[in-house]
Amino acid sequence: MEDINIYHQFMVDIDLPEVMTPEFRSLIPTQRVMVNELMNEGTILSYTLSLDRAKLWIVMVAESEEEVEEIISDFPIMDYSFAAIYELMFHETITRELPRISLN
């Protein structure tokens, strides 16, 4: 049986700089805008920052590792960071829905 799902999930493990310079901090708003757009279109499934602000973990959907590399290369923070990309077997999350409102 042929795999009809051409999209794969990837974990992007990003090491952030030890010192948050003013130049780096100035990139964060643009980074967040890009991340929010990618989340809204379904490319980024999750985006997590460690408590010590040393790591970012991103779960993404893409056709290939090369596509992931292309996407993250546009991130403003990447001139100050290092990324490792891992293809995932699966990534499961719980989505919480708001209770349905009854008009009765």
C-alpha atoms as a PDB file:
ATOM      1  CA  MET A   1       0.000   0.000   0.000  1.00  0.00           C
ATOM      2  CA  GLU A   2       1.375   3.394  -1.002  1.00  0.00           C
ATOM      3  CA  ASP A   3       1.812   6.104   1.661  1.00  0.00           C
ATOM      4  CA  ILE A   4      -0.699   8.785   0.661  1.00  0.00           C
ATOM      5  CA  ASN A   5       0.390  11.154   3.452  1.00  0.00           C
ATOM      6  CA  ILE A   6       3.237  13.196   1.984  1.00  0.00           C
ATOM      7  CA  TYR A   7       3.531  15.308   5.125  1.00  0.00           C
ATOM      8  CA  HIS A   8       5.796  14.341   7.989  1.00  0.00           C
ATOM      9  CA  GLN A   9       6.251  15.704  11.481  1.00  0.00           C
ATOM     10  CA  PHE A  10       9.562  17.107  12.668  1.00  0.00           C
ATOM     11  CA  MET A  11      10.951  18.257  16.008  1.00  0.00           C
ATOM     12  CA  VAL A  12      13.180  21.294  15.682  1.00  0.00           C
ATOM     13  CA  ASP A  13      15.505  21.669  18.675  1.00  0.00           C
ATOM     14  CA  ILE A  14      16.942  25.199  18.727  1.00  0.00           C
ATOM     15  CA  ASP A  15      19.794  26.309  20.985  1.00  0.00           C
ATOM     16  CA  LEU A  16      19.402  29.985  21.796  1.00  0.00           C
ATOM     17  CA  PRO A  17      22.308  32.311  22.633  1.00  0.00           C
ATOM     18  CA  GLU A  18      23.552  32.307  26.220  1.00  0.00           C
ATOM     19  CA  VAL A  19      23.410  36.098  26.344  1.00  0.00           C
ATOM     20  CA  MET A  20      20.264  37.823  25.136  1.00  0.00           C
ATOM     21  CA  THR A  21      21.710  40.926  23.519  1.00  0.00           C
ATOM     22  CA  PRO A  22      19.552  43.935  22.644  1.00  0.00           C
ATOM     23  CA  GLU A  23      19.969  42.965  18.960  1.00  0.00           C
ATOM     24  CA  PHE A  24      18.602  39.479  19.649  1.00  0.00           C
ATOM     25  CA  ARG A  25      15.741  40.790  21.796  1.00  0.00           C
ATOM     26  CA  SER A  26      14.737  43.190  19.023  1.00  0.00           C
ATOM     27  CA  LEU A  27      14.104  40.183  16.734  1.00  0.00           C
ATOM     28  CA  ILE A  28      11.613  38.484  19.056  1.00  0.00           C
ATOM     29  CA  PRO A  29       8.457  40.408  17.961  1.00  0.00           C
ATOM     30  CA  THR A  30       9.106  39.584  14.287  1.00  0.00           C
ATOM     31  CA  GLN A  31       9.851  35.972  15.241  1.00  0.00           C
ATOM     32  CA  ARG A  32       6.527  35.723  17.091  1.00  0.00           C
ATOM     33  CA  VAL A  33       4.606  37.135  14.109  1.00  0.00           C
ATOM     34  CA  MET A  34       6.175  34.518  11.813  1.00  0.00           C
ATOM     35  CA  VAL A  35       5.482  31.720  14.298  1.00  0.00           C
ATOM     36  CA  ASN A  36       1.856  32.794  14.748  1.00  0.00           C
ATOM     37  CA  GLU A  37       1.343  32.832  10.968  1.00  0.00           C
ATOM     38  CA  LEU A  38       2.863  29.347  10.631  1.00  0.00           C
ATOM     39  CA  MET A  39       0.699  28.094  13.508  1.00  0.00           C
ATOM     40  CA  ASN A  40      -2.444  29.545  11.927  1.00  0.00           C
ATOM     41  CA  GLU A  41      -1.695  27.787   8.641  1.00  0.00           C
ATOM     42  CA  GLY A  42      -0.964  24.488  10.434  1.00  0.00           C
ATOM     43  CA  THR A  43       2.760  24.271   9.652  1.00  0.00           C
ATOM     44  CA  ILE A  44       3.785  24.675  13.303  1.00  0.00           C
ATOM     45  CA  LEU A  45       1.902  22.414  15.708  1.00  0.00           C
ATOM     46  CA  SER A  46       3.656  23.500  18.897  1.00  0.00           C
ATOM     47  CA  TYR A  47       6.217  26.086  19.967  1.00  0.00           C
ATOM     48  CA  THR A  48       7.862  25.769  23.384  1.00  0.00           C
ATOM     49  CA  LEU A  49      10.500  27.834  25.189  1.00  0.00           C
ATOM     50  CA  SER A  50      12.442  26.339  28.113  1.00  0.00           C
ATOM     51  CA  LEU A  51      12.250  28.089  31.472  1.00  0.00           C
ATOM     52  CA  ASP A  52      15.919  29.089  31.302  1.00  0.00           C
ATOM     53  CA  ARG A  53      15.321  30.502  27.784  1.00  0.00           C
ATOM     54  CA  ALA A  54      18.155  28.387  26.391  1.00  0.00           C
ATOM     55  CA  LYS A  55      16.049  26.136  24.134  1.00  0.00           C
ATOM     56  CA  LEU A  56      13.142  26.330  21.747  1.00  0.00           C
ATOM     57  CA  TRP A  57      11.307  23.198  20.685  1.00  0.00           C
ATOM     58  CA  ILE A  58       9.079  23.365  17.627  1.00  0.00           C
ATOM     59  CA  VAL A  59       6.963  20.586  16.160  1.00  0.00           C
ATOM     60  CA  MET A  60       6.334  21.197  12.464  1.00  0.00           C
ATOM     61  CA  VAL A  61       4.574  19.531   9.568  1.00  0.00           C
ATOM     62  CA  ALA A  62       6.416  19.479   6.232  1.00  0.00           C
ATOM     63  CA  GLU A  63       7.085  17.342   3.190  1.00  0.00           C
ATOM     64  CA  SER A  64      10.784  16.955   4.002  1.00  0.00           C
ATOM     65  CA  GLU A  65      13.613  17.935   6.313  1.00  0.00           C
ATOM     66  CA  GLU A  66      14.802  20.277   3.573  1.00  0.00           C
ATOM     67  CA  GLU A  67      11.477  22.120   3.698  1.00  0.00           C
ATOM     68  CA  VAL A  68      11.830  22.496   7.476  1.00  0.00           C
ATOM     69  CA  GLU A  69      15.358  23.870   6.994  1.00  0.00           C
ATOM     70  CA  GLU A  70      14.021  26.338   4.445  1.00  0.00           C
ATOM     71  CA  ILE A  71      11.252  27.524   6.769  1.00  0.00           C
ATOM     72  CA  ILE A  72      13.412  27.980   9.848  1.00  0.00           C
ATOM     73  CA  SER A  73      16.179  29.673   7.858  1.00  0.00           C
ATOM     74  CA  ASP A  74      13.744  32.593   7.472  1.00  0.00           C
ATOM     75  CA  PHE A  75      13.363  32.953  11.246  1.00  0.00           C
ATOM     76  CA  PRO A  76      14.969  36.224  12.381  1.00  0.00           C
ATOM     77  CA  ILE A  77      16.616  34.509  15.369  1.00  0.00           C
ATOM     78  CA  MET A  78      18.510  31.926  13.324  1.00  0.00           C
ATOM     79  CA  ASP A  79      21.595  34.114  12.849  1.00  0.00           C
ATOM     80  CA  TYR A  80      22.041  33.799  16.636  1.00  0.00           C
ATOM     81  CA  SER A  81      20.910  30.189  17.084  1.00  0.00           C
ATOM     82  CA  PHE A  82      21.671  26.588  16.138  1.00  0.00           C
ATOM     83  CA  ALA A  83      18.977  24.106  15.108  1.00  0.00           C
ATOM     84  CA  ALA A  84      18.837  20.329  14.969  1.00  0.00           C
ATOM     85  CA  ILE A  85      15.950  18.669  13.109  1.00  0.00           C
ATOM     86  CA  TYR A  86      14.522  15.236  13.919  1.00  0.00           C
ATOM     87  CA  GLU A  87      11.788  13.438  12.020  1.00  0.00           C
ATOM     88  CA  LEU A  88       9.116  12.116  14.367  1.00  0.00           C
ATOM     89  CA  MET A  89       7.176   8.875  14.263  1.00  0.00           C
ATOM     90  CA  PHE A  90       4.244  10.753  15.816  1.00  0.00           C
ATOM     91  CA  HIS A  91       3.337  13.769  17.928  1.00  0.00           C
ATOM     92  CA  GLU A  92       0.157  13.583  19.966  1.00  0.00           C
ATOM     93  CA  THR A  93      -1.553  16.440  21.756  1.00  0.00           C
ATOM     94  CA  ILE A  94      -4.809  17.028  23.541  1.00  0.00           C
ATOM     95  CA  THR A  95      -7.013  19.765  22.195  1.00  0.00           C
ATOM     96  CA  ARG A  96      -9.428  21.268  24.625  1.00  0.00           C
ATOM     97  CA  GLU A  97     -12.696  22.562  23.262  1.00  0.00           C
ATOM     98  CA  LEU A  98     -14.924  25.134  24.889  1.00  0.00           C
ATOM     99  CA  PRO A  99     -18.245  23.753  26.042  1.00  0.00           C
ATOM    100  CA  ARG A 100     -20.973  24.108  23.466  1.00  0.00           C
ATOM    101  CA  ILE A 101     -23.493  26.804  24.240  1.00  0.00           C
ATOM    102  CA  SER A 102     -27.144  25.839  24.190  1.00  0.00           C
ATOM    103  CA  LEU A 103     -29.560  28.518  23.053  1.00  0.00           C
ATOM    104  CA  ASN A 104     -32.469  26.762  24.834  1.00  0.00           C
END
